[in-house]
C-alpha atoms as a PDB file:
ATOM      1  CA  MET A   1      69.709 107.433  36.152  1.00  0.00           C
ATOM      2  CA  LEU A   2      72.181 109.498  34.115  1.00  0.00           C
ATOM      3  CA  SER A   3      70.769 111.874  31.521  1.00  0.00           C
ATOM      4  CA  SER A   4      72.496 112.578  28.067  1.00  0.00           C
ATOM      5  CA  VAL A   5      74.096 115.664  29.772  1.00  0.00           C
ATOM      6  CA  GLY A   6      75.226 113.564  32.638  1.00  0.00           C
ATOM      7  CA  LYS A   7      76.840 111.001  30.124  1.00  0.00           C
ATOM      8  CA  LEU A   8      78.523 113.879  28.405  1.00  0.00           C
ATOM      9  CA  VAL A   9      80.104 115.308  31.682  1.00  0.00           C
ATOM     10  CA  ALA A  10      81.359 111.849  32.644  1.00  0.00           C
ATOM     11  CA  TRP A  11      82.914 111.342  29.216  1.00  0.00           C
ATOM     12  CA  LEU A  12      84.710 114.475  29.398  1.00  0.00           C
ATOM     13  CA  LEU A  13      85.932 113.832  33.071  1.00  0.00           C
ATOM     14  CA  THR A  14      86.868 110.347  31.742  1.00  0.00           C
ATOM     15  CA  GLY A  15      89.023 111.900  28.875  1.00  0.00           C
ATOM     16  CA  PHE A  16      90.805 114.264  31.444  1.00  0.00           C
ATOM     17  CA  LEU A  17      91.473 111.447  33.721  1.00  0.00           C
ATOM     18  CA  ALA A  18      92.707 109.287  30.904  1.00  0.00           C
ATOM     19  CA  ILE A  19      95.316 111.982  29.922  1.00  0.00           C
ATOM     20  CA  LEU A  20      96.748 111.922  33.589  1.00  0.00           C
ATOM     21  CA  THR A  21      96.617 108.305  33.882  1.00  0.00           C
ATOM     22  CA  ILE A  22      98.337 107.635  30.532  1.00  0.00           C
ATOM     23  CA  PHE A  23     101.039 110.351  31.542  1.00  0.00           C
ATOM     24  CA  PHE A  24     101.854 109.003  34.907  1.00  0.00           C
ATOM     25  CA  ASN A  25     101.885 105.278  33.778  1.00  0.00           C
ATOM     26  CA  MET A  26     103.927 106.395  30.652  1.00  0.00           C
ATOM     27  CA  TYR A  27     106.471 107.915  32.807  1.00  0.00           C
ATOM     28  CA  LEU A  28     106.656 104.701  34.963  1.00  0.00           C
ATOM     29  CA  LEU A  29     107.276 102.610  31.781  1.00  0.00           C
ATOM     30  CA  LEU A  30     109.953 105.050  30.549  1.00  0.00           C
ATOM     31  CA  VAL A  31     111.798 105.212  33.839  1.00  0.00           C
ATOM     32  CA  THR A  32     111.680 101.304  34.291  1.00  0.00           C
ATOM     33  CA  HIS A  33     112.778 100.896  30.558  1.00  0.00           C
ATOM     34  CA  ARG A  34     115.806 103.094  31.526  1.00  0.00           C
ATOM     35  CA  SER A  35     116.633 101.124  34.579  1.00  0.00           C
ATOM     36  CA  TYR A  36     116.310  97.813  32.545  1.00  0.00           C
ATOM     37  CA  ARG A  37     118.850  99.244  29.773  1.00  0.00           C
ATOM     38  CA  LYS A  38     121.354 100.088  32.631  1.00  0.00           C
ATOM     39  CA  LYS A  39     121.141  96.782  34.737  1.00  0.00           C
ATOM     40  CA  HIS A  40     119.735  94.600  31.990  1.00  0.00           C
ATOM     41  CA  LYS A  41     116.999  93.044  34.267  1.00  0.00           C
ATOM     42  CA  LEU A  42     114.065  94.506  36.252  1.00  0.00           C
ATOM     43  CA  ASN A  43     113.736  93.802  40.118  1.00  0.00           C
ATOM     44  CA  PRO A  44     110.225  92.021  40.869  1.00  0.00           C
ATOM     45  CA  ALA A  45     108.662  95.130  42.050  1.00  0.00           C
ATOM     46  CA  ASP A  46     109.428  97.067  38.879  1.00  0.00           C
ATOM     47  CA  PHE A  47     108.180  94.148  36.767  1.00  0.00           C
ATOM     48  CA  ILE A  48     104.845  94.236  38.686  1.00  0.00           C
ATOM     49  CA  ILE A  49     104.493  97.975  38.370  1.00  0.00           C
ATOM     50  CA  THR A  50     105.344  97.736  34.650  1.00  0.00           C
ATOM     51  CA  ALA A  51     102.410  95.061  34.297  1.00  0.00           C
ATOM     52  CA  ILE A  52     100.138  97.508  36.240  1.00  0.00           C
ATOM     53  CA  ALA A  53     100.948 100.513  33.999  1.00  0.00           C
ATOM     54  CA  LEU A  54     100.478  98.643  30.632  1.00  0.00           C
ATOM     55  CA  ALA A  55      97.145  97.272  32.134  1.00  0.00           C
ATOM     56  CA  SER A  56      96.204 100.817  33.312  1.00  0.00           C
ATOM     57  CA  ILE A  57      97.021 102.575  30.005  1.00  0.00           C
ATOM     58  CA  SER A  58      95.113  99.847  28.138  1.00  0.00           C
ATOM     59  CA  GLN A  59      92.012 100.072  30.230  1.00  0.00           C
ATOM     60  CA  GLN A  60      91.848 103.992  30.045  1.00  0.00           C
ATOM     61  CA  VAL A  61      91.980 103.793  26.200  1.00  0.00           C
ATOM     62  CA  LEU A  62      89.113 101.191  26.097  1.00  0.00           C
ATOM     63  CA  THR A  63      87.256 102.860  28.747  1.00  0.00           C
ATOM     64  CA  TYR A  64      87.180 106.375  26.836  1.00  0.00           C
ATOM     65  CA  LEU A  65      86.299 104.429  23.616  1.00  0.00           C
ATOM     66  CA  TRP A  66      83.352 102.968  25.472  1.00  0.00           C
ATOM     67  CA  GLN A  67      82.202 106.288  26.900  1.00  0.00           C
ATOM     68  CA  THR A  68      82.527 107.742  23.324  1.00  0.00           C
ATOM     69  CA  ILE A  69      80.291 104.915  21.994  1.00  0.00           C
ATOM     70  CA  ASP A  70      77.769 105.460  25.034  1.00  0.00           C
ATOM     71  CA  VAL A  71      77.495 109.263  24.171  1.00  0.00           C
ATOM     72  CA  ILE A  72      77.300 109.150  20.389  1.00  0.00           C
ATOM     73  CA  ASP A  73      75.448 105.956  19.710  1.00  0.00           C
ATOM     74  CA  THR A  74      72.189 106.836  21.411  1.00  0.00           C
ATOM     75  CA  VAL A  75      70.084 103.974  19.580  1.00  0.00           C
ATOM     76  CA  CYS A  76      72.624 101.271  20.048  1.00  0.00           C
ATOM     77  CA  ARG A  77      73.390 100.461  16.596  1.00  0.00           C
ATOM     78  CA  ILE A  78      76.727  98.816  17.507  1.00  0.00           C
ATOM     79  CA  SER A  79      75.775  97.588  20.893  1.00  0.00           C
ATOM     80  CA  LEU A  80      77.736  94.276  20.461  1.00  0.00           C
ATOM     81  CA  MET A  81      80.908  96.284  20.194  1.00  0.00           C
ATOM     82  CA  ALA A  82      80.254  98.230  23.292  1.00  0.00           C
ATOM     83  CA  ALA A  83      79.394  94.863  25.046  1.00  0.00           C
ATOM     84  CA  ILE A  84      82.821  93.584  23.955  1.00  0.00           C
ATOM     85  CA  LEU A  85      84.571  96.691  25.060  1.00  0.00           C
ATOM     86  CA  LEU A  86      82.798  96.301  28.502  1.00  0.00           C
ATOM     87  CA  VAL A  87      84.124  92.660  28.790  1.00  0.00           C
ATOM     88  CA  LEU A  88      87.835  93.954  28.105  1.00  0.00           C
ATOM     89  CA  ILE A  89      87.306  96.924  30.507  1.00  0.00           C
ATOM     90  CA  PHE A  90      86.298  94.511  33.271  1.00  0.00           C
ATOM     91  CA  SER A  91      88.949  92.168  32.624  1.00  0.00           C
ATOM     92  CA  LEU A  92      91.612  94.673  32.646  1.00  0.00           C
ATOM     93  CA  LYS A  93      90.087  95.889  35.965  1.00  0.00           C
ATOM     94  CA  LEU A  94      90.308  92.556  37.478  1.00  0.00           C
ATOM     95  CA  ILE A  95      93.881  92.348  36.312  1.00  0.00           C
ATOM     96  CA  ILE A  96      94.764  95.687  37.731  1.00  0.00           C
ATOM     97  CA  PHE A  97      93.280  94.837  41.075  1.00  0.00           C
ATOM     98  CA  TRP A  98      95.010  91.696  41.457  1.00  0.00           C
ATOM     99  CA  SER A  99      98.315  93.026  40.322  1.00  0.00           C
ATOM    100  CA  THR A 100      98.030  95.682  42.991  1.00  0.00           C
ATOM    101  CA  ALA A 101      97.171  93.124  45.522  1.00  0.00           C
ATOM    102  CA  PHE A 102     100.261  91.192  44.378  1.00  0.00           C
ATOM    103  CA  LEU A 103     102.395  94.199  44.536  1.00  0.00           C
ATOM    104  CA  THR A 104     101.243  94.783  48.273  1.00  0.00           C
ATOM    105  CA  PHE A 105     101.819  91.259  48.854  1.00  0.00           C
ATOM    106  CA  TYR A 106     105.491  91.498  47.405  1.00  0.00           C
ATOM    107  CA  TYR A 107     106.241  94.583  49.589  1.00  0.00           C
ATOM    108  CA  GLY A 108     104.676  92.864  52.513  1.00  0.00           C
ATOM    109  CA  THR A 109     106.960  89.924  52.003  1.00  0.00           C
ATOM    110  CA  LYS A 110     109.887  91.855  51.711  1.00  0.00           C
ATOM    111  CA  LEU A 111     109.565  94.413  54.558  1.00  0.00           C
ATOM    112  CA  VAL A 112     108.112  92.172  57.112  1.00  0.00           C
ATOM    113  CA  MET A 113     110.487  89.640  58.744  1.00  0.00           C
ATOM    114  CA  GLU A 114     108.402  86.735  60.256  1.00  0.00           C
ATOM    115  CA  PRO A 115     109.524  83.468  61.816  1.00  0.00           C
ATOM    116  CA  VAL A 116     110.061  80.609  59.157  1.00  0.00           C
ATOM    117  CA  HIS A 117     107.063  78.212  58.964  1.00  0.00           C
ATOM    118  CA  CYS A 118     104.984  76.766  55.990  1.00  0.00           C
ATOM    119  CA  TYR A 119     102.970  80.065  55.388  1.00  0.00           C
ATOM    120  CA  THR A 120     106.395  82.230  54.951  1.00  0.00           C
ATOM    121  CA  ARG A 121     107.696  79.381  52.759  1.00  0.00           C
ATOM    122  CA  ILE A 122     104.761  79.675  50.437  1.00  0.00           C
ATOM    123  CA  GLN A 123     105.105  83.366  50.385  1.00  0.00           C
ATOM    124  CA  GLU A 124     108.853  83.066  49.286  1.00  0.00           C
ATOM    125  CA  ALA A 125     107.929  80.626  46.725  1.00  0.00           C
ATOM    126  CA  ILE A 126     105.254  82.866  45.120  1.00  0.00           C
ATOM    127  CA  VAL A 127     107.536  85.943  45.303  1.00  0.00           C
ATOM    128  CA  LYS A 128     110.422  83.944  43.348  1.00  0.00           C
ATOM    129  CA  HIS A 129     107.877  83.425  40.666  1.00  0.00           C
ATOM    130  CA  VAL A 130     106.600  86.990  40.014  1.00  0.00           C
ATOM    131  CA  HIS A 131     106.689  86.299  36.006  1.00  0.00           C
ATOM    132  CA  THR A 132     104.581  83.183  36.340  1.00  0.00           C
ATOM    133  CA  VAL A 133     102.034  84.748  38.886  1.00  0.00           C
ATOM    134  CA  LEU A 134     101.563  87.847  36.680  1.00  0.00           C
ATOM    135  CA  ALA A 135     100.975  85.622  33.636  1.00  0.00           C
ATOM    136  CA  LEU A 136      98.365  83.607  35.444  1.00  0.00           C
ATOM    137  CA  ILE A 137      96.586  86.866  36.509  1.00  0.00           C
ATOM    138  CA  PHE A 138      96.313  88.054  32.962  1.00  0.00           C
ATOM    139  CA  VAL A 139      95.178  85.032  31.831  1.00  0.00           C
ATOM    140  CA  SER A 140      92.678  84.335  34.536  1.00  0.00           C
ATOM    141  CA  GLY A 141      91.599  88.142  34.166  1.00  0.00           C
ATOM    142  CA  PHE A 142      90.282  87.656  30.640  1.00  0.00           C
ATOM    143  CA  ALA A 143      89.183  83.966  31.198  1.00  0.00           C
ATOM    144  CA  ASN A 144      86.850  84.973  34.248  1.00  0.00           C
ATOM    145  CA  CYS A 145      85.269  87.809  32.261  1.00  0.00           C
ATOM    146  CA  VAL A 146      84.493  85.916  29.058  1.00  0.00           C
ATOM    147  CA  PRO A 147      81.016  84.744  30.607  1.00  0.00           C
ATOM    148  CA  LEU A 148      80.051  88.388  30.870  1.00  0.00           C
ATOM    149  CA  LEU A 149      79.103  88.325  27.143  1.00  0.00           C
ATOM    150  CA  SER A 150      76.067  85.936  28.108  1.00  0.00           C
ATOM    151  CA  VAL A 151      75.227  88.363  30.852  1.00  0.00           C
ATOM    152  CA  LEU A 152      75.311  91.526  29.125  1.00  0.00           C
ATOM    153  CA  THR A 153      72.075  93.105  27.789  1.00  0.00           C
ATOM    154  CA  TYR A 154      73.296  94.383  24.249  1.00  0.00           C
ATOM    155  CA  TYR A 155      70.232  96.745  24.209  1.00  0.00           C
ATOM    156  CA  ASN A 156      68.693  98.223  27.351  1.00  0.00           C
ATOM    157  CA  GLY A 157      65.016  98.735  26.434  1.00  0.00           C
ATOM    158  CA  THR A 158      64.022 100.957  29.378  1.00  0.00           C
ATOM    159  CA  SER A 159      64.720 104.004  27.217  1.00  0.00           C
ATOM    160  CA  THR A 160      66.833 105.101  24.388  1.00  0.00           C
ATOM    161  CA  GLU A 161      67.631 108.478  25.931  1.00  0.00           C
ATOM    162  CA  PHE A 162      68.816 107.015  29.432  1.00  0.00           C
ATOM    163  CA  GLY A 163      69.912 103.533  28.352  1.00  0.00           C
ATOM    164  CA  ASP A 164      73.541 102.311  28.014  1.00  0.00           C
ATOM    165  CA  CYS A 165      74.258 100.023  25.172  1.00  0.00           C
ATOM    166  CA  GLY A 166      75.493  96.829  26.759  1.00  0.00           C
ATOM    167  CA  SER A 167      74.633  97.220  30.154  1.00  0.00           C
ATOM    168  CA  ILE A 168      75.287  94.461  32.621  1.00  0.00           C
ATOM    169  CA  MET A 169      71.752  93.379  33.572  1.00  0.00           C
ATOM    170  CA  PRO A 170      71.345  89.647  34.293  1.00  0.00           C
ATOM    171  CA  THR A 171      67.914  88.501  33.500  1.00  0.00           C
ATOM    172  CA  ASP A 172      68.036  85.227  35.310  1.00  0.00           C
ATOM    173  CA  THR A 173      69.605  83.419  38.341  1.00  0.00           C
ATOM    174  CA  THR A 174      72.791  82.149  36.665  1.00  0.00           C
ATOM    175  CA  GLY A 175      73.587  85.690  35.457  1.00  0.00           C
ATOM    176  CA  LEU A 176      72.891  87.158  38.950  1.00  0.00           C
ATOM    177  CA  ALA A 177      75.174  84.300  40.425  1.00  0.00           C
ATOM    178  CA  TYR A 178      77.959  85.207  37.956  1.00  0.00           C
ATOM    179  CA  PHE A 179      77.623  88.878  38.770  1.00  0.00           C
ATOM    180  CA  PHE A 180      78.280  88.151  42.474  1.00  0.00           C
ATOM    181  CA  TYR A 181      81.135  85.744  41.555  1.00  0.00           C
ATOM    182  CA  TYR A 182      82.775  88.454  39.695  1.00  0.00           C
ATOM    183  CA  VAL A 183      82.513  91.056  42.516  1.00  0.00           C
ATOM    184  CA  ILE A 184      84.070  88.570  44.891  1.00  0.00           C
ATOM    185  CA  ILE A 185      87.050  87.656  42.822  1.00  0.00           C
ATOM    186  CA  SER A 186      87.624  91.052  41.530  1.00  0.00           C
ATOM    187  CA  ASP A 187      86.852  93.354  44.459  1.00  0.00           C
ATOM    188  CA  ILE A 188      86.695  91.335  47.592  1.00  0.00           C
ATOM    189  CA  ILE A 189      89.305  88.823  47.574  1.00  0.00           C
ATOM    190  CA  PRO A 190      92.080  91.157  46.370  1.00  0.00           C
ATOM    191  CA  GLY A 191      90.983  93.721  48.992  1.00  0.00           C
ATOM    192  CA  ILE A 192      91.386  90.985  51.690  1.00  0.00           C
ATOM    193  CA  VAL A 193      94.790  90.202  50.513  1.00  0.00           C
ATOM    194  CA  MET A 194      95.645  94.062  50.543  1.00  0.00           C
ATOM    195  CA  VAL A 195      94.214  94.744  54.000  1.00  0.00           C
ATOM    196  CA  LYS A 196      96.010  91.482  55.550  1.00  0.00           C
ATOM    197  CA  CYS A 197      99.273  92.747  54.174  1.00  0.00           C
ATOM    198  CA  SER A 198      98.739  96.330  55.180  1.00  0.00           C
ATOM    199  CA  ILE A 199      97.955  95.224  58.708  1.00  0.00           C
ATOM    200  CA  SER A 200     101.004  93.129  58.929  1.00  0.00           C
ATOM    201  CA  ILE A 201     103.192  95.883  57.580  1.00  0.00           C
ATOM    202  CA  SER A 202     101.693  98.549  59.987  1.00  0.00           C
ATOM    203  CA  TYR A 203     102.134  96.193  63.084  1.00  0.00           C
ATOM    204  CA  HIS A 204     105.738  95.265  62.206  1.00  0.00           C
ATOM    205  CA  LEU A 205     106.464  98.949  61.346  1.00  0.00           C
ATOM    206  CA  ALA A 206     105.151 100.102  64.776  1.00  0.00           C
ATOM    207  CA  LYS A 207     106.988  97.339  66.530  1.00  0.00           C
ATOM    208  CA  HIS A 208     110.394  98.223  64.603  1.00  0.00           C
ATOM    209  CA  LEU A 209     110.049 101.887  65.286  1.00  0.00           C
ATOM    210  CA  LEU A 210     109.446 101.215  69.033  1.00  0.00           C
ATOM    211  CA  GLU A 211     112.613  98.994  69.182  1.00  0.00           C
ATOM    212  CA  MET A 212     114.495 101.729  67.435  1.00  0.00           C
ATOM    213  CA  LYS A 213     113.409 104.396  69.899  1.00  0.00           C
ATOM    214  CA  ALA A 214     114.204 102.165  72.892  1.00  0.00           C
ATOM    215  CA  SER A 215     117.770 101.488  71.482  1.00  0.00           C
ATOM    216  CA  SER A 216     118.413 105.153  70.764  1.00  0.00           C
ATOM    217  CA  ASN A 217     117.044 106.176  74.433  1.00  0.00           C
ATOM    218  CA  GLY A 218     114.815 108.773  72.818  1.00  0.00           C
ATOM    219  CA  ALA A 219     117.919 110.932  71.835  1.00  0.00           C
ATOM    220  CA  HIS A 220     116.590 111.017  68.118  1.00  0.00           C
ATOM    221  CA  GLY A 221     113.782 109.911  66.143  1.00  0.00           C
ATOM    222  CA  PRO A 222     113.991 106.655  64.299  1.00  0.00           C
ATOM    223  CA  LYS A 223     114.643 106.940  60.488  1.00  0.00           C
ATOM    224  CA  LEU A 224     113.852 104.384  57.856  1.00  0.00           C
ATOM    225  CA  GLY A 225     114.473 106.581  54.744  1.00  0.00           C
ATOM    226  CA  THR A 226     113.344 104.847  51.641  1.00  0.00           C
ATOM    227  CA  GLN A 227     111.751 102.106  53.335  1.00  0.00           C
ATOM    228  CA  MET A 228     109.304 104.382  55.051  1.00  0.00           C
ATOM    229  CA  ARG A 229     108.398 105.964  51.579  1.00  0.00           C
ATOM    230  CA  VAL A 230     107.693 102.171  50.254  1.00  0.00           C
ATOM    231  CA  ILE A 231     105.648 101.626  53.240  1.00  0.00           C
ATOM    232  CA  LYS A 232     103.625 104.822  52.820  1.00  0.00           C
ATOM    233  CA  MET A 233     103.122 104.017  49.311  1.00  0.00           C
ATOM    234  CA  THR A 234     101.873 100.441  49.909  1.00  0.00           C
ATOM    235  CA  LEU A 235      99.518 101.752  52.723  1.00  0.00           C
ATOM    236  CA  SER A 236      98.204 104.629  50.321  1.00  0.00           C
ATOM    237  CA  LEU A 237      97.500 101.909  47.708  1.00  0.00           C
ATOM    238  CA  VAL A 238      95.378  99.872  50.190  1.00  0.00           C
ATOM    239  CA  VAL A 239      93.272 103.062  51.340  1.00  0.00           C
ATOM    240  CA  VAL A 240      92.816 104.138  47.998  1.00  0.00           C
ATOM    241  CA  TYR A 241      91.528 100.598  46.884  1.00  0.00           C
ATOM    242  CA  ILE A 242      89.222 100.382  49.833  1.00  0.00           C
ATOM    243  CA  CYS A 243      87.656 103.784  49.010  1.00  0.00           C
ATOM    244  CA  PHE A 244      87.188 102.644  45.407  1.00  0.00           C
ATOM    245  CA  VAL A 245      85.861  99.275  46.126  1.00  0.00           C
ATOM    246  CA  ALA A 246      83.054 100.743  48.286  1.00  0.00           C
ATOM    247  CA  VAL A 247      81.993 103.014  45.575  1.00  0.00           C
ATOM    248  CA  ASP A 248      82.286 100.337  42.909  1.00  0.00           C
ATOM    249  CA  ILE A 249      80.318  97.749  44.695  1.00  0.00           C
ATOM    250  CA  TYR A 250      77.558 100.252  45.264  1.00  0.00           C
ATOM    251  CA  THR A 251      77.439 101.500  41.657  1.00  0.00           C
ATOM    252  CA  GLN A 252      77.477  98.038  40.247  1.00  0.00           C
ATOM    253  CA  MET A 253      74.426  96.973  42.579  1.00  0.00           C
ATOM    254  CA  THR A 254      72.473 100.098  41.236  1.00  0.00           C
ATOM    255  CA  VAL A 255      73.035  98.632  37.804  1.00  0.00           C
ATOM    256  CA  VAL A 256      72.294  95.083  38.452  1.00  0.00           C
ATOM    257  CA  LEU A 257      69.938  95.028  41.261  1.00  0.00           C
ATOM    258  CA  MET A 258      68.094  98.412  41.068  1.00  0.00           C
ATOM    259  CA  ARG A 259      68.158  98.652  37.030  1.00  0.00           C
ATOM    260  CA  GLN A 260      69.306 101.879  37.015  1.00  0.00           C
ATOM    261  CA  ASN A 261      71.637 102.954  34.003  1.00  0.00           C
ATOM    262  CA  THR A 262      74.643 104.216  35.944  1.00  0.00           C
ATOM    263  CA  LEU A 263      77.142 102.060  34.308  1.00  0.00           C
ATOM    264  CA  ALA A 264      78.935 105.292  33.226  1.00  0.00           C
ATOM    265  CA  LEU A 265      79.536 106.255  36.827  1.00  0.00           C
ATOM    266  CA  THR A 266      80.999 102.620  37.256  1.00  0.00           C
ATOM    267  CA  ILE A 267      83.377 103.303  34.365  1.00  0.00           C
ATOM    268  CA  LEU A 268      84.172 106.877  35.642  1.00  0.00           C
ATOM    269  CA  PHE A 269      85.018 105.714  38.988  1.00  0.00           C
ATOM    270  CA  ALA A 270      87.324 103.033  37.493  1.00  0.00           C
ATOM    271  CA  SER A 271      89.279 105.893  35.820  1.00  0.00           C
ATOM    272  CA  VAL A 272      89.506 107.850  38.862  1.00  0.00           C
ATOM    273  CA  TYR A 273      91.087 104.752  40.687  1.00  0.00           C
ATOM    274  CA  THR A 274      93.648 104.157  37.973  1.00  0.00           C
ATOM    275  CA  THR A 275      94.717 107.716  37.819  1.00  0.00           C
ATOM    276  CA  VAL A 276      95.162 107.822  41.763  1.00  0.00           C
ATOM    277  CA  SER A 277      97.032 104.629  42.029  1.00  0.00           C
ATOM    278  CA  ALA A 278      99.279 105.724  39.073  1.00  0.00           C
ATOM    279  CA  PHE A 279     100.124 109.032  41.051  1.00  0.00           C
ATOM    280  CA  VAL A 280     100.734 106.984  44.364  1.00  0.00           C
ATOM    281  CA  LEU A 281     103.045 104.441  42.403  1.00  0.00           C
ATOM    282  CA  VAL A 282     105.075 107.405  40.994  1.00  0.00           C
ATOM    283  CA  TYR A 283     105.202 109.174  44.418  1.00  0.00           C
ATOM    284  CA  GLY A 284     106.252 105.949  46.096  1.00  0.00           C
ATOM    285  CA  LYS A 285     109.581 105.848  44.370  1.00  0.00           C
ATOM    286  CA  LYS A 286     111.550 108.684  45.635  1.00  0.00           C
ATOM    287  CA  SER A 287     114.148 108.649  42.702  1.00  0.00           C
ATOM    288  CA  TYR A 288     111.122 108.571  40.381  1.00  0.00           C
ATOM    289  CA  TRP A 289     109.354 111.405  42.028  1.00  0.00           C
ATOM    290  CA  LYS A 290     112.387 113.731  42.308  1.00  0.00           C
ATOM    291  CA  GLU A 291     113.137 113.311  38.639  1.00  0.00           C
ATOM    292  CA  LEU A 292     109.567 114.145  37.692  1.00  0.00           C
ATOM    293  CA  ILE A 293     109.505 117.181  39.892  1.00  0.00           C
ATOM    294  CA  ALA A 294     112.731 118.264  38.098  1.00  0.00           C
ATOM    295  CA  SER A 295     111.309 117.757  34.721  1.00  0.00           C
ATOM    296  CA  TYR A 296     108.270 119.733  35.725  1.00  0.00           C
ATOM    297  CA  ASN A 297     110.193 122.799  36.863  1.00  0.00           C
ATOM    298  CA  LEU A 298     112.488 122.569  33.994  1.00  0.00           C
ATOM    299  CA  PHE A 299     109.488 122.834  31.629  1.00  0.00           C
ATOM    300  CA  LEU A 300     108.168 125.791  33.636  1.00  0.00           C
ATOM    301  CA  GLU A 301     111.372 127.589  33.268  1.00  0.00           C
ATOM    302  CA  GLU A 302     110.532 128.003  29.554  1.00  0.00           C
ATOM    303  CA  TYR A 303     107.445 129.833  30.363  1.00  0.00           C
ATOM    304  CA  PRO A 304     108.432 132.779  32.996  1.00  0.00           C
ATOM    305  CA  CYS A 305     104.600 133.610  33.612  1.00  0.00           C
ATOM    306  CA  PHE A 306     104.197 129.928  35.281  1.00  0.00           C
ATOM    307  CA  SER A 307     107.258 130.483  37.528  1.00  0.00           C
ATOM    308  CA  SER A 308     104.986 130.660  40.625  1.00  0.00           C
ATOM    309  CA  MET A 309     103.803 127.031  39.867  1.00  0.00           C
ATOM    310  CA  LYS A 310     107.215 125.602  40.527  1.00  0.00           C
ATOM    311  CA  VAL A 311     107.493 122.673  43.096  1.00  0.00           C
ATOM    312  CA  GLU A 312     110.304 122.846  45.697  1.00  0.00           C
ATOM    313  CA  GLU A 313     112.908 120.220  45.282  1.00  0.00           C
ATOM    314  CA  PHE A 314     114.620 118.195  47.737  1.00  0.00           C
ATOM    315  CA  ASP A 315     118.527 118.415  47.802  1.00  0.00           C
ATOM    316  CA  THR A 316     119.043 114.793  48.837  1.00  0.00           C
ATOM    317  CA  LEU A 317     118.266 111.836  46.334  1.00  0.00           C
ATOM    318  CA  ILE A 318     117.699 108.412  47.902  1.00  0.00           C
ATOM    319  CA  HIS A 319     118.362 105.675  45.151  1.00  0.00           C
ATOM    320  CA  GLU A 320     116.386 102.532  45.766  1.00  0.00           C
ATOM    321  CA  GLY A 321     117.260  99.005  45.466  1.00  0.00           C
ATOM    322  CA  SER A 322     115.330  96.156  44.583  1.00  0.00           C
END
């Protein structure tokens, strides 16, 4: 159970995480927009990252707004608005998860060379229609969360001190079934896709490294350059997702099955995930990361007292293709 003080702490933490998330995702949007102005097109990976960034920014703004209502409106005077915000937040969360899974799937398809068969042809067909797939993800994300309005409890009567306005507390079998359906489509299925792709990438990476080492007779270690950084980014996204899903499912279970008002924690952990994943996406592109570090150091040069906080820059810059 969260007290009013606990909710206030969660609200402050969410605000701090929202600032970081918006900063990293706005940086991604600005860099991809500059790339678009130069090339007059976006490669599929940048297009997917742009969609994730937009959804993440929107989710953080709505999350902070819901947390604000939850802290201020202790008697649930605007509980319907809080319920609608929750539906939008859970819709955007589903969109972010599926878009991240699609990004992992895209990199897995591009980095892993497999024999041509029916499955690989389906993969190639999906990757060729990135815009259509993302449009379907966005539409299905909102469509699958509309029934939440019938599951949400606009006023939680357990206590006005500890209650969350618009808590997800199904009162019948249909509502409980929908909740499990939502967890499966939003947490478990994207996780299966990401784990499958990460295993495939890891296996073929190990195989490729062994082949490179054998061909060089151990004279020097194999180097993959930019590809290795993208692989690290993809695997890091999968690890972050798995850690978050474990916590997310547990907190949602405490709300629905144990009837505890810990929805603010669920929202807070979702903010943590969007912040960390945005950082991983920036770090995964070496050109993006190097430019961000250079801008950061340039900013600190204006304030000599912060010179000790500078980050070491690398001399070589690896430009990435599509």
